[in-house]
Every structure is written in structure tokens, then in C-alpha cells.
Protein backbone atom coordinates (compact mmCIF):
# COMPACT_ATOMS: atom_id res chain seq x y z
CA MET A 1 0.36 5.77 17.92
CA LYS A 2 -2.52 3.43 16.96
CA SER A 3 -4.99 6.31 16.88
CA ASP A 4 -2.55 8.27 14.69
CA LEU A 5 -2.40 5.32 12.30
CA LYS A 6 -6.18 5.02 12.29
CA GLN A 7 -6.41 8.71 11.44
CA ARG A 8 -3.97 8.28 8.54
CA LEU A 9 -5.89 5.26 7.28
CA SER A 10 -9.17 7.17 7.44
CA LYS A 11 -7.76 9.63 4.87
CA LEU A 12 -7.20 6.89 2.31
CA SER A 13 -9.68 6.44 -0.51
CA MET A 14 -11.72 3.26 -0.76
CA TYR A 15 -9.40 2.09 -3.54
CA GLU A 16 -6.24 2.83 -1.56
CA ARG A 17 -7.58 0.93 1.43
CA ALA A 18 -8.48 -2.05 -0.79
CA ILE A 19 -4.99 -2.04 -2.31
CA LEU A 20 -3.43 -1.92 1.16
CA MET A 21 -5.55 -4.88 2.28
CA PHE A 22 -4.61 -6.80 -0.88
CA CYS A 23 -0.89 -6.16 -0.29
CA LEU A 24 -1.04 -7.16 3.36
CA ARG A 25 -2.98 -10.35 2.66
CA ALA A 26 -0.62 -11.26 -0.18
CA TYR A 27 2.36 -10.69 2.11
CA PHE A 28 0.97 -12.79 4.95
CA ASN A 29 0.01 -15.59 2.55
CA SER A 30 3.35 -15.67 0.71
CA GLY A 31 5.93 -13.92 2.88
CA ASN A 32 6.91 -11.90 -0.20
CA TYR A 33 7.20 -8.14 0.30
CA THR A 34 6.71 -7.48 -3.42
CA ASN A 35 3.17 -7.67 -4.80
CA ARG A 36 1.84 -7.31 -8.33
CA LEU A 37 -1.73 -6.09 -8.28
CA PRO A 38 -3.55 -6.64 -11.61
CA LEU A 39 -4.79 -3.07 -11.73
CA ALA A 40 -6.17 -3.26 -15.28
CA GLU A 41 -8.39 -6.18 -14.28
CA MET A 42 -9.44 -4.94 -10.85
CA LEU A 43 -9.62 -1.16 -11.35
CA PRO A 44 -9.51 -0.41 -15.08
CA ASP A 45 -10.28 3.29 -14.55
CA MET A 46 -7.25 3.64 -12.29
CA ALA A 47 -5.05 1.75 -14.76
CA ALA A 48 -6.23 4.14 -17.49
CA MET A 49 -5.09 7.09 -15.34
CA PHE A 50 -1.63 5.53 -15.00
CA ASP A 51 -1.59 4.80 -18.74
CA ALA A 52 -2.33 8.46 -19.48
CA ALA A 53 0.25 9.82 -16.99
CA PRO A 54 2.64 7.05 -15.88
CA LYS A 55 4.77 9.37 -13.72
CA VAL A 56 1.81 10.49 -11.58
CA ASN A 57 0.88 8.18 -8.71
CA VAL A 58 -2.88 8.38 -8.29
CA PHE A 59 -2.43 6.57 -4.97
CA ALA A 60 -0.11 9.19 -3.47
CA LYS A 61 -1.67 9.08 0.03
CA LEU A 62 -1.15 5.32 0.13
CA ALA A 63 2.39 5.57 -1.21
CA ASP A 64 3.21 8.13 1.52
CA LEU A 65 1.56 6.20 4.38
CA GLN A 66 3.83 5.94 7.41
CA MET A 67 3.71 3.92 10.61
CA ALA A 68 5.84 2.77 13.52
CA VAL A 69 8.85 0.52 13.11
CA THR A 70 8.51 -3.00 14.50
CA GLY A 71 9.34 -2.78 18.21
CA ASP A 72 9.97 1.00 18.20
CA GLN A 73 6.83 3.12 18.47
CA ALA A 74 8.87 6.36 18.45
CA LYS A 75 10.29 5.91 14.94
CA THR A 76 8.15 5.93 11.82
CA VAL A 77 8.84 4.57 8.35
CA SER A 78 6.92 4.39 5.11
CA VAL A 79 4.68 1.33 4.77
CA PHE A 80 5.81 0.92 1.16
CA ASP A 81 9.41 1.01 -0.04
CA SER A 82 8.09 1.59 -3.53
CA MET A 83 4.91 1.71 -5.57
CA THR A 84 5.21 1.74 -9.35
CA TYR A 85 3.01 1.02 -12.32
CA ASP A 86 4.18 -1.48 -14.94
CA PRO A 87 2.62 -0.27 -18.21
CA LYS A 88 3.45 -3.50 -20.08
CA THR A 89 1.48 -5.74 -17.73
CA ARG A 90 -0.75 -2.91 -16.43
CA GLU A 91 0.00 -3.97 -12.86
CA LEU A 92 0.64 -1.91 -9.76
CA VAL A 93 3.91 -3.19 -8.30
CA THR A 94 4.30 -2.55 -4.59
CA VAL A 95 7.12 -3.38 -2.20
CA LEU A 96 6.24 -3.35 1.49
CA ASN A 97 8.84 -1.95 3.88
CA GLN A 98 10.42 -4.72 5.94
CA GLN A 99 10.90 -2.31 8.86
CA ALA A 100 7.21 -1.44 9.16
CA ASP A 101 5.16 -3.26 11.78
CA LEU A 102 2.97 -5.08 9.27
CA ASN A 103 1.29 -7.24 11.93
CA ALA A 104 0.05 -4.14 13.76
CA LEU A 105 -0.98 -2.54 10.47
CA GLN A 106 -3.02 -5.57 9.47
CA LYS A 107 -4.81 -5.57 12.85
CA VAL A 108 -5.73 -1.90 12.48
CA VAL A 109 -6.79 -2.24 8.83
CA GLU A 110 -8.94 -5.32 9.35
CA GLY A 111 -10.06 -4.53 12.89
């Protein structure tokens, strides 16, 4: 299962991987599953894409990323419950899935 996750992670863009790392670090620092990434400040080109087409998720591979459930390697769930763009604040709002094995994900991402 770990090699499958590594393969899925290898298909992410550099930006998607950076966003995933940001979300995981924010979660482990705060315990909050919801993160607000200041996309306009960090990746203004990506924010401009969302501004132009708010319904299109330019991070679709990241939004669709799946992994094993905590304690059950046979069942997979999405890493993110949701990923939306807030046009007013120009932030990417992500909600990590509480069922995903975030500890294992962090080890694979940072390892």
C-alpha cells in the first residue's frame, strides 16, 4: 500500500505536493483539519486561474488523492474531504479527511 501511495504522490505537481505538505504541517501543528492556504500570496498564478474559472479545480489530482484508512490498509478514502477556493479572500480552503491515515501520509510525503 505504501508503494501505491508513493506512486500516487509522484503524479502530483510540485505545487500540489507543496500544498499537501502545507496542509499536513498545519494539521499537525494545530490539530485543525481545515486549512486556509493564502493562495494569492503564495501562488498568484494559481489564484488567477481560480479567479478566471472558480468552478475548475486546478489541483484535481490532489483533490482526488486517496489513501488507506487509519488501521485498515484494505479500505481507501480521499485525503481531502473538500478543497474549495474562496474568491473573497483568495485562499484555498482544504479540509483533511479524519479517516485518512495522516501520520502515514506525512511520513511518506516527508520521507
